[in-house]
Amino acid sequence: MKKRILITGGAGFLGSHLCEQLLNQGNEVICLDNLFTGRKQNIAHLMSQPNFEFIRHDITEPITVEVDQIYNLACPASPPHYQYNAIKTIKTSVMGAINVLGLARRVHARVFQASTSEIYGDPEVHPQPESYWGHVNTIGVRSCYDEGKRVAETLFFDYHRQNGVDIRVVRIFNTYGPRMLPDDGRVVSNFIVQALRGEDLTIYGDGSQTRSFCYVDDLINGFMKFMETDDFTGPVNLGNPGEFTMLELAELVLKKTGGKSKITFRPLPPDDPRQRQPDITLAKNRLGWEPKVPLSEGLDHTIAYFSQLLKSPAAHQPRTMKKPVRPQTLN
């Protein structure tokens, strides 16, 4: 059945892929984005479709539309971007959640919250199940994102309990693929861009820290399965349980790009998690979902994307920011 669907953060990395897939299903899609980290070029190929609409808007301000479903993806997700304006990041998570929940309540829409594995902090439980409450620094440099997402989860469940809002909360683990920003500071894009440019690959720490990498197509498939599943609010982990050290990832990227770059090591930033791996038992049991794309195959697609992107003159123009932010590669 055709639905009218609002996607906040719809011009971003994940949001643009979600817009595309929902349109392919025959839905009407409203893409809302303030274009801080989202890009019009991510959705340029969708603009001519009659069922697609783009609205430039900041979700910290209320929005009034008539929709059947809402996907709330609005928030900068990489450390350089969310640390650039920490207060704005918190406002996006908290006020954005209040605004989409208020809208969902008024129009009786099912509403999806893109939460994050960062709510687990530097975990003392491994792998991380949904029942784990986390180990998070409330006043650190990453707290604007971690705590903002934690409060958003609280708001979603309070609106559900108090007002009967139909919610879905997903905790996203590291995801990669085409349309990532070349300057977003995340480890996959950092390594690929550095290798393609012939620069040294930068590892923060000794390279033993682990992450689990999910290809974007798998994640979006999980989103859509979750939204079509009744009587299940979550939270649910979505990610690839395959665990890799940073050193393993760097060596694989170098092998695939044929680069001659060296690997260099720098001090580990504050509050950076040592391990990150999802327990996806709940997703398997309740959604019938698990990732299909292995890291090697996903990296091939992502390297091909960045290889083409870096041929554009615009890719060599650094993004202007008002104050320097130390890149953090492991998110």
C-alpha atoms as a PDB file:
ATOM      1  CA  MET A   1       0.000   0.000   0.000  1.00  0.00           C
ATOM      2  CA  LYS A   2       1.355   3.385  -1.035  1.00  0.00           C
ATOM      3  CA  LYS A   3       2.330   5.630   1.875  1.00  0.00           C
ATOM      4  CA  ARG A   4       3.250   9.274   2.319  1.00  0.00           C
ATOM      5  CA  ILE A   5       6.551   9.268   4.212  1.00  0.00           C
ATOM      6  CA  LEU A   6       8.640  12.042   5.787  1.00  0.00           C
ATOM      7  CA  ILE A   7      12.408  11.490   6.106  1.00  0.00           C
ATOM      8  CA  THR A   8      14.277  14.035   8.221  1.00  0.00           C
ATOM      9  CA  GLY A   9      17.943  14.180   7.286  1.00  0.00           C
ATOM     10  CA  GLY A  10      16.853  12.787   3.944  1.00  0.00           C
ATOM     11  CA  ALA A  11      19.673  14.349   1.907  1.00  0.00           C
ATOM     12  CA  GLY A  12      22.367  12.713   4.023  1.00  0.00           C
ATOM     13  CA  PHE A  13      24.308   9.502   3.511  1.00  0.00           C
ATOM     14  CA  LEU A  14      21.690   7.144   4.966  1.00  0.00           C
ATOM     15  CA  GLY A  15      18.693   9.353   4.262  1.00  0.00           C
ATOM     16  CA  SER A  16      19.290   9.576   0.527  1.00  0.00           C
ATOM     17  CA  HIS A  17      19.530   5.797   0.194  1.00  0.00           C
ATOM     18  CA  LEU A  18      16.314   5.458   2.198  1.00  0.00           C
ATOM     19  CA  CYS A  19      14.526   8.019   0.001  1.00  0.00           C
ATOM     20  CA  GLU A  20      15.569   6.057  -3.062  1.00  0.00           C
ATOM     21  CA  GLN A  21      14.371   2.683  -1.772  1.00  0.00           C
ATOM     22  CA  LEU A  22      11.036   3.992  -0.502  1.00  0.00           C
ATOM     23  CA  LEU A  23      10.384   5.677  -3.861  1.00  0.00           C
ATOM     24  CA  ASN A  24      11.230   2.415  -5.613  1.00  0.00           C
ATOM     25  CA  GLN A  25       8.436   0.808  -3.617  1.00  0.00           C
ATOM     26  CA  GLY A  26       5.961   3.327  -5.015  1.00  0.00           C
ATOM     27  CA  ASN A  27       5.679   5.557  -1.944  1.00  0.00           C
ATOM     28  CA  GLU A  28       5.424   9.343  -1.827  1.00  0.00           C
ATOM     29  CA  VAL A  29       8.518  10.714  -0.077  1.00  0.00           C
ATOM     30  CA  ILE A  30       9.100  14.093   1.555  1.00  0.00           C
ATOM     31  CA  CYS A  31      12.816  14.684   2.143  1.00  0.00           C
ATOM     32  CA  LEU A  32      13.560  17.277   4.841  1.00  0.00           C
ATOM     33  CA  ASP A  33      17.120  18.483   5.454  1.00  0.00           C
ATOM     34  CA  ASN A  34      18.923  21.667   6.540  1.00  0.00           C
ATOM     35  CA  LEU A  35      21.935  20.661   4.400  1.00  0.00           C
ATOM     36  CA  PHE A  36      24.546  20.960   7.155  1.00  0.00           C
ATOM     37  CA  THR A  37      25.942  17.533   6.357  1.00  0.00           C
ATOM     38  CA  GLY A  38      23.324  16.505   3.796  1.00  0.00           C
ATOM     39  CA  ARG A  39      23.980  17.305   0.136  1.00  0.00           C
ATOM     40  CA  LYS A  40      21.618  18.162  -2.697  1.00  0.00           C
ATOM     41  CA  GLN A  41      23.735  16.052  -5.038  1.00  0.00           C
ATOM     42  CA  ASN A  42      22.779  12.989  -2.985  1.00  0.00           C
ATOM     43  CA  ILE A  43      19.152  13.435  -4.050  1.00  0.00           C
ATOM     44  CA  ALA A  44      19.609  15.214  -7.395  1.00  0.00           C
ATOM     45  CA  HIS A  45      18.621  12.067  -9.304  1.00  0.00           C
ATOM     46  CA  LEU A  46      15.324  11.942  -7.388  1.00  0.00           C
ATOM     47  CA  MET A  47      14.199  15.544  -7.943  1.00  0.00           C
ATOM     48  CA  SER A  48      12.376  14.826 -11.203  1.00  0.00           C
ATOM     49  CA  GLN A  49      10.263  12.046  -9.718  1.00  0.00           C
ATOM     50  CA  PRO A  50       6.636  13.110  -9.177  1.00  0.00           C
ATOM     51  CA  ASN A  51       6.408  11.334  -5.812  1.00  0.00           C
ATOM     52  CA  PHE A  52       9.456  13.123  -4.368  1.00  0.00           C
ATOM     53  CA  GLU A  53       9.536  16.478  -2.589  1.00  0.00           C
ATOM     54  CA  PHE A  54      12.480  18.264  -0.952  1.00  0.00           C
ATOM     55  CA  ILE A  55      12.023  20.755   1.890  1.00  0.00           C
ATOM     56  CA  ARG A  56      14.979  22.694   3.277  1.00  0.00           C
ATOM     57  CA  HIS A  57      14.184  22.917   6.971  1.00  0.00           C
ATOM     58  CA  ASP A  58      15.866  22.508  10.363  1.00  0.00           C
ATOM     59  CA  ILE A  59      14.072  19.921  12.484  1.00  0.00           C
ATOM     60  CA  THR A  60      14.808  21.903  15.660  1.00  0.00           C
ATOM     61  CA  GLU A  61      11.860  23.993  14.398  1.00  0.00           C
ATOM     62  CA  PRO A  62       8.392  22.392  14.187  1.00  0.00           C
ATOM     63  CA  ILE A  63       7.115  21.177  10.830  1.00  0.00           C
ATOM     64  CA  THR A  64       3.499  20.525   9.831  1.00  0.00           C
ATOM     65  CA  VAL A  65       2.832  17.915   7.129  1.00  0.00           C
ATOM     66  CA  GLU A  66       0.327  15.115   6.663  1.00  0.00           C
ATOM     67  CA  VAL A  67       2.150  11.787   6.530  1.00  0.00           C
ATOM     68  CA  ASP A  68       1.686   8.090   7.327  1.00  0.00           C
ATOM     69  CA  GLN A  69       5.245   7.408   8.487  1.00  0.00           C
ATOM     70  CA  ILE A  70       8.225   9.423   9.727  1.00  0.00           C
ATOM     71  CA  TYR A  71      11.874   8.385   9.676  1.00  0.00           C
ATOM     72  CA  ASN A  72      13.919  10.660  11.949  1.00  0.00           C
ATOM     73  CA  LEU A  73      17.508  10.547  10.676  1.00  0.00           C
ATOM     74  CA  ALA A  74      18.377  14.210  11.265  1.00  0.00           C
ATOM     75  CA  CYS A  75      21.650  14.651  13.173  1.00  0.00           C
ATOM     76  CA  PRO A  76      25.319  14.955  12.210  1.00  0.00           C
ATOM     77  CA  ALA A  77      26.826  11.526  12.850  1.00  0.00           C
ATOM     78  CA  SER A  78      30.603  11.838  12.517  1.00  0.00           C
ATOM     79  CA  PRO A  79      32.796  13.309  15.295  1.00  0.00           C
ATOM     80  CA  PRO A  80      34.151  16.334  13.367  1.00  0.00           C
ATOM     81  CA  HIS A  81      30.615  17.320  12.382  1.00  0.00           C
ATOM     82  CA  TYR A  82      28.831  16.742  15.671  1.00  0.00           C
ATOM     83  CA  GLN A  83      31.670  18.299  17.702  1.00  0.00           C
ATOM     84  CA  TYR A  84      31.753  21.369  15.445  1.00  0.00           C
ATOM     85  CA  ASN A  85      28.696  22.784  17.245  1.00  0.00           C
ATOM     86  CA  ALA A  86      28.015  20.569  20.240  1.00  0.00           C
ATOM     87  CA  ILE A  87      25.013  22.549  21.477  1.00  0.00           C
ATOM     88  CA  LYS A  88      23.401  22.424  18.060  1.00  0.00           C
ATOM     89  CA  THR A  89      23.974  18.654  17.962  1.00  0.00           C
ATOM     90  CA  ILE A  90      22.151  18.199  21.277  1.00  0.00           C
ATOM     91  CA  LYS A  91      19.322  20.461  20.125  1.00  0.00           C
ATOM     92  CA  THR A  92      18.966  18.475  16.907  1.00  0.00           C
ATOM     93  CA  SER A  93      18.676  15.192  18.810  1.00  0.00           C
ATOM     94  CA  VAL A  94      16.410  16.415  21.609  1.00  0.00           C
ATOM     95  CA  MET A  95      14.288  19.157  20.044  1.00  0.00           C
ATOM     96  CA  GLY A  96      14.189  17.232  16.773  1.00  0.00           C
ATOM     97  CA  ALA A  97      12.809  14.203  18.613  1.00  0.00           C
ATOM     98  CA  ILE A  98      10.189  16.345  20.353  1.00  0.00           C
ATOM     99  CA  ASN A  99       9.109  17.871  17.038  1.00  0.00           C
ATOM    100  CA  VAL A 100       8.809  14.598  15.113  1.00  0.00           C
ATOM    101  CA  LEU A 101       7.049  12.914  18.035  1.00  0.00           C
ATOM    102  CA  GLY A 102       4.611  15.804  18.312  1.00  0.00           C
ATOM    103  CA  LEU A 103       3.923  15.543  14.595  1.00  0.00           C
ATOM    104  CA  ALA A 104       3.494  11.768  14.807  1.00  0.00           C
ATOM    105  CA  ARG A 105       1.038  12.197  17.655  1.00  0.00           C
ATOM    106  CA  ARG A 106      -1.042  14.757  15.755  1.00  0.00           C
ATOM    107  CA  VAL A 107      -1.268  12.818  12.481  1.00  0.00           C
ATOM    108  CA  HIS A 108      -1.180   9.288  13.998  1.00  0.00           C
ATOM    109  CA  ALA A 109       1.960   8.344  12.062  1.00  0.00           C
ATOM    110  CA  ARG A 110       4.389   5.548  12.882  1.00  0.00           C
ATOM    111  CA  VAL A 111       7.714   7.205  13.727  1.00  0.00           C
ATOM    112  CA  PHE A 112      11.249   5.781  13.474  1.00  0.00           C
ATOM    113  CA  GLN A 113      14.227   6.990  15.487  1.00  0.00           C
ATOM    114  CA  ALA A 114      17.742   6.494  14.116  1.00  0.00           C
ATOM    115  CA  SER A 115      19.572   5.953  17.385  1.00  0.00           C
ATOM    116  CA  THR A 116      23.148   4.758  17.579  1.00  0.00           C
ATOM    117  CA  SER A 117      25.554   2.222  19.007  1.00  0.00           C
ATOM    118  CA  GLU A 118      27.229   5.236  20.635  1.00  0.00           C
ATOM    119  CA  ILE A 119      24.613   5.023  23.392  1.00  0.00           C
ATOM    120  CA  TYR A 120      26.633   2.034  24.663  1.00  0.00           C
ATOM    121  CA  GLY A 121      29.690   4.292  25.083  1.00  0.00           C
ATOM    122  CA  ASP A 122      32.957   2.465  25.738  1.00  0.00           C
ATOM    123  CA  PRO A 123      31.244  -0.856  26.458  1.00  0.00           C
ATOM    124  CA  GLU A 124      32.054  -3.174  29.318  1.00  0.00           C
ATOM    125  CA  VAL A 125      29.894  -5.880  27.707  1.00  0.00           C
ATOM    126  CA  HIS A 126      30.918  -7.433  24.394  1.00  0.00           C
ATOM    127  CA  PRO A 127      29.191  -7.850  21.999  1.00  0.00           C
ATOM    128  CA  GLN A 128      26.538  -5.323  22.936  1.00  0.00           C
ATOM    129  CA  PRO A 129      22.927  -6.527  23.371  1.00  0.00           C
ATOM    130  CA  GLU A 130      19.964  -4.143  23.575  1.00  0.00           C
ATOM    131  CA  SER A 131      19.620  -4.940  27.285  1.00  0.00           C
ATOM    132  CA  TYR A 132      23.006  -3.306  28.036  1.00  0.00           C
ATOM    133  CA  TRP A 133      22.577   0.196  29.496  1.00  0.00           C
ATOM    134  CA  GLY A 134      25.956   1.464  28.383  1.00  0.00           C
ATOM    135  CA  HIS A 135      29.119   3.032  29.815  1.00  0.00           C
ATOM    136  CA  VAL A 136      29.054   6.678  28.732  1.00  0.00           C
ATOM    137  CA  ASN A 137      30.853   9.821  29.833  1.00  0.00           C
ATOM    138  CA  THR A 138      28.146  12.476  30.271  1.00  0.00           C
ATOM    139  CA  ILE A 139      30.548  15.451  30.034  1.00  0.00           C
ATOM    140  CA  GLY A 140      33.095  14.419  27.394  1.00  0.00           C
ATOM    141  CA  VAL A 141      33.690  15.758  23.898  1.00  0.00           C
ATOM    142  CA  ARG A 142      31.499  13.014  22.400  1.00  0.00           C
ATOM    143  CA  SER A 143      28.688  13.487  24.913  1.00  0.00           C
ATOM    144  CA  CYS A 144      26.756  15.956  22.768  1.00  0.00           C
ATOM    145  CA  TYR A 145      26.042  13.105  20.375  1.00  0.00           C
ATOM    146  CA  ASP A 146      25.952  10.131  22.766  1.00  0.00           C
ATOM    147  CA  GLU A 147      23.747  11.769  25.391  1.00  0.00           C
ATOM    148  CA  GLY A 148      21.582  13.545  22.826  1.00  0.00           C
ATOM    149  CA  LYS A 149      20.730  10.191  21.281  1.00  0.00           C
ATOM    150  CA  ARG A 150      20.106   8.647  24.704  1.00  0.00           C
ATOM    151  CA  VAL A 151      17.659  11.421  25.619  1.00  0.00           C
ATOM    152  CA  ALA A 152      15.954  11.013  22.250  1.00  0.00           C
ATOM    153  CA  GLU A 153      15.371   7.336  23.036  1.00  0.00           C
ATOM    154  CA  THR A 154      13.876   8.352  26.392  1.00  0.00           C
ATOM    155  CA  LEU A 155      11.535  10.800  24.669  1.00  0.00           C
ATOM    156  CA  PHE A 156      10.422   8.197  22.165  1.00  0.00           C
ATOM    157  CA  PHE A 157       9.493   5.700  24.857  1.00  0.00           C
ATOM    158  CA  ASP A 158       7.806   8.342  27.030  1.00  0.00           C
ATOM    159  CA  TYR A 159       5.680   9.496  24.086  1.00  0.00           C
ATOM    160  CA  HIS A 160       4.851   5.846  23.434  1.00  0.00           C
ATOM    161  CA  ARG A 161       3.855   5.110  27.037  1.00  0.00           C
ATOM    162  CA  GLN A 162       2.100   8.404  27.765  1.00  0.00           C
ATOM    163  CA  ASN A 163       0.542   9.273  24.407  1.00  0.00           C
ATOM    164  CA  GLY A 164       0.373   5.961  22.584  1.00  0.00           C
ATOM    165  CA  VAL A 165       2.673   7.095  19.760  1.00  0.00           C
ATOM    166  CA  ASP A 166       3.628   4.190  17.461  1.00  0.00           C
ATOM    167  CA  ILE A 167       7.443   4.191  17.680  1.00  0.00           C
ATOM    168  CA  ARG A 168      10.354   2.232  16.247  1.00  0.00           C
ATOM    169  CA  VAL A 169      13.859   2.733  17.708  1.00  0.00           C
ATOM    170  CA  VAL A 170      16.927   1.302  15.983  1.00  0.00           C
ATOM    171  CA  ARG A 171      20.511   1.436  17.237  1.00  0.00           C
ATOM    172  CA  ILE A 172      22.777   1.788  14.211  1.00  0.00           C
ATOM    173  CA  PHE A 173      26.289   0.378  14.264  1.00  0.00           C
ATOM    174  CA  ASN A 174      29.056   1.575  11.923  1.00  0.00           C
ATOM    175  CA  THR A 175      27.738   1.807   8.376  1.00  0.00           C
ATOM    176  CA  TYR A 176      29.593   2.655   5.168  1.00  0.00           C
ATOM    177  CA  GLY A 177      29.014   2.936   1.440  1.00  0.00           C
ATOM    178  CA  PRO A 178      28.535   5.376  -1.443  1.00  0.00           C
ATOM    179  CA  ARG A 179      27.533   8.969  -0.569  1.00  0.00           C
ATOM    180  CA  MET A 180      29.625   9.163   2.572  1.00  0.00           C
ATOM    181  CA  LEU A 181      31.347  12.545   2.759  1.00  0.00           C
ATOM    182  CA  PRO A 182      35.081  12.454   1.985  1.00  0.00           C
ATOM    183  CA  ASP A 183      35.771  14.737   4.977  1.00  0.00           C
ATOM    184  CA  ASP A 184      33.425  13.174   7.504  1.00  0.00           C
ATOM    185  CA  GLY A 185      36.191  11.771   9.717  1.00  0.00           C
ATOM    186  CA  ARG A 186      34.846   8.214   9.798  1.00  0.00           C
ATOM    187  CA  VAL A 187      37.331   5.433   9.478  1.00  0.00           C
ATOM    188  CA  VAL A 188      36.187   3.794   6.222  1.00  0.00           C
ATOM    189  CA  SER A 189      35.970   7.044   4.278  1.00  0.00           C
ATOM    190  CA  ASN A 190      39.185   8.361   5.847  1.00  0.00           C
ATOM    191  CA  PHE A 191      41.207   5.292   4.886  1.00  0.00           C
ATOM    192  CA  ILE A 192      39.809   5.104   1.350  1.00  0.00           C
ATOM    193  CA  VAL A 193      40.304   8.806   0.613  1.00  0.00           C
ATOM    194  CA  GLN A 194      43.810   8.797   2.081  1.00  0.00           C
ATOM    195  CA  ALA A 195      44.767   5.704   0.067  1.00  0.00           C
ATOM    196  CA  LEU A 196      43.360   7.088  -3.188  1.00  0.00           C
ATOM    197  CA  ARG A 197      45.217  10.367  -2.657  1.00  0.00           C
ATOM    198  CA  GLY A 198      48.468   8.575  -1.854  1.00  0.00           C
ATOM    199  CA  GLU A 199      48.505   9.918   1.700  1.00  0.00           C
ATOM    200  CA  ASP A 200      49.479   8.002   4.823  1.00  0.00           C
ATOM    201  CA  LEU A 201      46.607   6.144   6.470  1.00  0.00           C
ATOM    202  CA  THR A 202      46.073   7.542   9.955  1.00  0.00           C
ATOM    203  CA  ILE A 203      45.224   5.194  12.812  1.00  0.00           C
ATOM    204  CA  TYR A 204      44.365   6.679  16.193  1.00  0.00           C
ATOM    205  CA  GLY A 205      45.671   4.442  18.965  1.00  0.00           C
ATOM    206  CA  ASP A 206      47.602   1.231  18.317  1.00  0.00           C
ATOM    207  CA  GLY A 207      45.181  -0.175  15.752  1.00  0.00           C
ATOM    208  CA  SER A 208      43.799  -2.901  18.016  1.00  0.00           C
ATOM    209  CA  GLN A 209      40.453  -1.138  18.519  1.00  0.00           C
ATOM    210  CA  THR A 210      37.614  -2.951  16.786  1.00  0.00           C
ATOM    211  CA  ARG A 211      34.546  -1.927  14.827  1.00  0.00           C
ATOM    212  CA  SER A 212      31.875  -3.820  12.917  1.00  0.00           C
ATOM    213  CA  PHE A 213      31.022  -2.467   9.468  1.00  0.00           C
ATOM    214  CA  CYS A 214      27.605  -2.769   7.816  1.00  0.00           C
ATOM    215  CA  TYR A 215      27.093  -1.935   4.149  1.00  0.00           C
ATOM    216  CA  VAL A 216      24.449   0.726   3.591  1.00  0.00           C
ATOM    217  CA  ASP A 217      22.090  -1.437   1.485  1.00  0.00           C
ATOM    218  CA  ASP A 218      21.832  -3.988   4.290  1.00  0.00           C
ATOM    219  CA  LEU A 219      21.076  -1.300   6.858  1.00  0.00           C
ATOM    220  CA  ILE A 220      18.350   0.365   4.774  1.00  0.00           C
ATOM    221  CA  ASN A 221      16.752  -3.025   4.230  1.00  0.00           C
ATOM    222  CA  GLY A 222      16.676  -3.431   8.020  1.00  0.00           C
ATOM    223  CA  PHE A 223      15.075  -0.004   8.476  1.00  0.00           C
ATOM    224  CA  MET A 224      12.253  -0.855   6.109  1.00  0.00           C
ATOM    225  CA  LYS A 225      11.648  -4.316   7.578  1.00  0.00           C
ATOM    226  CA  PHE A 226      11.445  -2.764  11.042  1.00  0.00           C
ATOM    227  CA  MET A 227       8.919  -0.115   9.983  1.00  0.00           C
ATOM    228  CA  GLU A 228       6.664  -2.762   8.457  1.00  0.00           C
ATOM    229  CA  THR A 229       6.775  -4.975  11.563  1.00  0.00           C
ATOM    230  CA  ASP A 230       3.811  -4.543  13.925  1.00  0.00           C
ATOM    231  CA  ASP A 231       3.862  -4.716  17.724  1.00  0.00           C
ATOM    232  CA  PHE A 232       7.607  -4.231  18.089  1.00  0.00           C
ATOM    233  CA  THR A 233       9.009  -0.893  19.263  1.00  0.00           C
ATOM    234  CA  GLY A 234      12.618  -1.946  19.731  1.00  0.00           C
ATOM    235  CA  PRO A 235      15.179  -0.772  20.534  1.00  0.00           C
ATOM    236  CA  VAL A 236      16.907  -3.125  18.141  1.00  0.00           C
ATOM    237  CA  ASN A 237      20.541  -3.282  17.022  1.00  0.00           C
ATOM    238  CA  LEU A 238      21.200  -3.128  13.282  1.00  0.00           C
ATOM    239  CA  GLY A 239      24.751  -3.703  12.136  1.00  0.00           C
ATOM    240  CA  ASN A 240      27.155  -6.311  10.873  1.00  0.00           C
ATOM    241  CA  PRO A 241      28.556  -8.505  13.677  1.00  0.00           C
ATOM    242  CA  GLY A 242      31.796  -9.149  11.768  1.00  0.00           C
ATOM    243  CA  GLU A 243      34.485  -7.527  13.925  1.00  0.00           C
ATOM    244  CA  PHE A 244      37.696  -6.007  12.509  1.00  0.00           C
ATOM    245  CA  THR A 245      40.597  -4.145  14.057  1.00  0.00           C
ATOM    246  CA  MET A 246      41.543  -0.764  12.626  1.00  0.00           C
ATOM    247  CA  LEU A 247      44.836  -2.239  11.459  1.00  0.00           C
ATOM    248  CA  GLU A 248      43.028  -5.034   9.583  1.00  0.00           C
ATOM    249  CA  LEU A 249      40.763  -2.500   7.884  1.00  0.00           C
ATOM    250  CA  ALA A 250      43.677  -0.262   6.889  1.00  0.00           C
ATOM    251  CA  GLU A 251      45.574  -3.181   5.371  1.00  0.00           C
ATOM    252  CA  LEU A 252      42.494  -4.341   3.439  1.00  0.00           C
ATOM    253  CA  VAL A 253      41.894  -0.857   2.021  1.00  0.00           C
ATOM    254  CA  LEU A 254      45.538  -0.604   0.929  1.00  0.00           C
ATOM    255  CA  LYS A 255      45.331  -3.995  -0.756  1.00  0.00           C
ATOM    256  CA  LYS A 256      42.142  -3.091  -2.622  1.00  0.00           C
ATOM    257  CA  THR A 257      43.290   0.364  -3.733  1.00  0.00           C
ATOM    258  CA  GLY A 258      46.749  -0.839  -4.694  1.00  0.00           C
ATOM    259  CA  GLY A 259      48.074   2.118  -2.769  1.00  0.00           C
ATOM    260  CA  LYS A 260      51.662   2.605  -1.667  1.00  0.00           C
ATOM    261  CA  SER A 261      50.655   4.575   1.416  1.00  0.00           C
ATOM    262  CA  LYS A 262      52.138   3.904   4.814  1.00  0.00           C
ATOM    263  CA  ILE A 263      50.201   3.496   8.051  1.00  0.00           C
ATOM    264  CA  THR A 264      50.895   6.095  10.728  1.00  0.00           C
ATOM    265  CA  PHE A 265      49.759   6.108  14.351  1.00  0.00           C
ATOM    266  CA  ARG A 266      48.509   8.997  16.477  1.00  0.00           C
ATOM    267  CA  PRO A 267      47.202   9.239  20.059  1.00  0.00           C
ATOM    268  CA  LEU A 268      43.708   7.887  20.713  1.00  0.00           C
ATOM    269  CA  PRO A 269      41.106  10.673  21.219  1.00  0.00           C
ATOM    270  CA  PRO A 270      39.205  10.931  24.531  1.00  0.00           C
ATOM    271  CA  ASP A 271      36.323   8.510  25.223  1.00  0.00           C
ATOM    272  CA  ASP A 272      36.893   6.529  22.051  1.00  0.00           C
ATOM    273  CA  PRO A 273      35.376   3.028  22.438  1.00  0.00           C
ATOM    274  CA  ARG A 274      37.858   0.151  22.406  1.00  0.00           C
ATOM    275  CA  GLN A 275      35.365  -2.352  21.014  1.00  0.00           C
ATOM    276  CA  ARG A 276      32.161  -2.164  19.051  1.00  0.00           C
ATOM    277  CA  GLN A 277      30.205  -5.201  17.888  1.00  0.00           C
ATOM    278  CA  PRO A 278      26.426  -5.656  17.738  1.00  0.00           C
ATOM    279  CA  ASP A 279      24.513  -8.592  19.111  1.00  0.00           C
ATOM    280  CA  ILE A 280      21.842  -8.900  16.380  1.00  0.00           C
ATOM    281  CA  THR A 281      19.950 -11.858  17.834  1.00  0.00           C
ATOM    282  CA  LEU A 282      16.845  -9.713  18.340  1.00  0.00           C
ATOM    283  CA  ALA A 283      16.912  -8.430  14.753  1.00  0.00           C
ATOM    284  CA  LYS A 284      17.223 -11.967  13.439  1.00  0.00           C
ATOM    285  CA  ASN A 285      14.358 -13.257  15.587  1.00  0.00           C
ATOM    286  CA  ARG A 286      11.901 -10.371  15.287  1.00  0.00           C
ATOM    287  CA  LEU A 287      12.685  -8.929  11.856  1.00  0.00           C
ATOM    288  CA  GLY A 288      14.161 -11.913  10.023  1.00  0.00           C
ATOM    289  CA  TRP A 289      17.062  -9.578   9.211  1.00  0.00           C
ATOM    290  CA  GLU A 290      20.796 -10.033   9.021  1.00  0.00           C
ATOM    291  CA  PRO A 291      23.415  -8.371   6.785  1.00  0.00           C
ATOM    292  CA  LYS A 292      24.298 -10.043   3.482  1.00  0.00           C
ATOM    293  CA  VAL A 293      27.130  -7.925   2.036  1.00  0.00           C
ATOM    294  CA  PRO A 294      30.633  -8.911   3.259  1.00  0.00           C
ATOM    295  CA  LEU A 295      33.130  -6.162   4.034  1.00  0.00           C
ATOM    296  CA  SER A 296      35.309  -7.009   1.024  1.00  0.00           C
ATOM    297  CA  GLU A 297      32.434  -6.574  -1.433  1.00  0.00           C
ATOM    298  CA  GLY A 298      31.121  -3.436   0.254  1.00  0.00           C
ATOM    299  CA  LEU A 299      34.556  -1.847   0.169  1.00  0.00           C
ATOM    300  CA  ASP A 300      34.767  -2.475  -3.584  1.00  0.00           C
ATOM    301  CA  HIS A 301      31.556  -0.471  -4.123  1.00  0.00           C
ATOM    302  CA  THR A 302      32.688   2.275  -1.757  1.00  0.00           C
ATOM    303  CA  ILE A 303      36.165   2.584  -3.267  1.00  0.00           C
ATOM    304  CA  ALA A 304      34.633   2.831  -6.757  1.00  0.00           C
ATOM    305  CA  TYR A 305      32.373   5.654  -5.521  1.00  0.00           C
ATOM    306  CA  PHE A 306      35.194   7.641  -3.941  1.00  0.00           C
ATOM    307  CA  SER A 307      37.486   7.029  -6.896  1.00  0.00           C
ATOM    308  CA  GLN A 308      34.934   8.693  -9.162  1.00  0.00           C
ATOM    309  CA  LEU A 309      34.121  11.438  -6.646  1.00  0.00           C
ATOM    310  CA  LEU A 310      37.758  12.458  -6.202  1.00  0.00           C
ATOM    311  CA  LYS A 311      38.053  13.107  -9.943  1.00  0.00           C
ATOM    312  CA  SER A 312      35.710  16.069  -9.459  1.00  0.00           C
ATOM    313  CA  PRO A 313      37.468  19.432  -8.866  1.00  0.00           C
ATOM    314  CA  ALA A 314      35.000  20.177  -6.057  1.00  0.00           C
ATOM    315  CA  ALA A 315      36.275  17.179  -4.094  1.00  0.00           C
ATOM    316  CA  HIS A 316      39.664  18.883  -3.723  1.00  0.00           C
ATOM    317  CA  GLN A 317      38.184  22.024  -2.160  1.00  0.00           C
ATOM    318  CA  PRO A 318      38.209  21.679   1.642  1.00  0.00           C
ATOM    319  CA  ARG A 319      34.944  22.324   3.410  1.00  0.00           C
ATOM    320  CA  THR A 320      34.987  25.655   5.254  1.00  0.00           C
ATOM    321  CA  MET A 321      34.451  25.444   8.992  1.00  0.00           C
ATOM    322  CA  LYS A 322      34.587  28.310  11.457  1.00  0.00           C
ATOM    323  CA  LYS A 323      36.897  26.571  13.886  1.00  0.00           C
ATOM    324  CA  PRO A 324      39.338  23.674  13.556  1.00  0.00           C
ATOM    325  CA  VAL A 325      38.130  20.295  14.702  1.00  0.00           C
ATOM    326  CA  ARG A 326      40.507  17.406  15.244  1.00  0.00           C
ATOM    327  CA  PRO A 327      39.405  14.499  13.023  1.00  0.00           C
ATOM    328  CA  GLN A 328      38.409  11.311  14.782  1.00  0.00           C
ATOM    329  CA  THR A 329      38.577   8.312  12.529  1.00  0.00           C
ATOM    330  CA  LEU A 330      36.984   5.511  14.483  1.00  0.00           C
ATOM    331  CA  ASN A 331      33.279   6.362  14.625  1.00  0.00           C
END
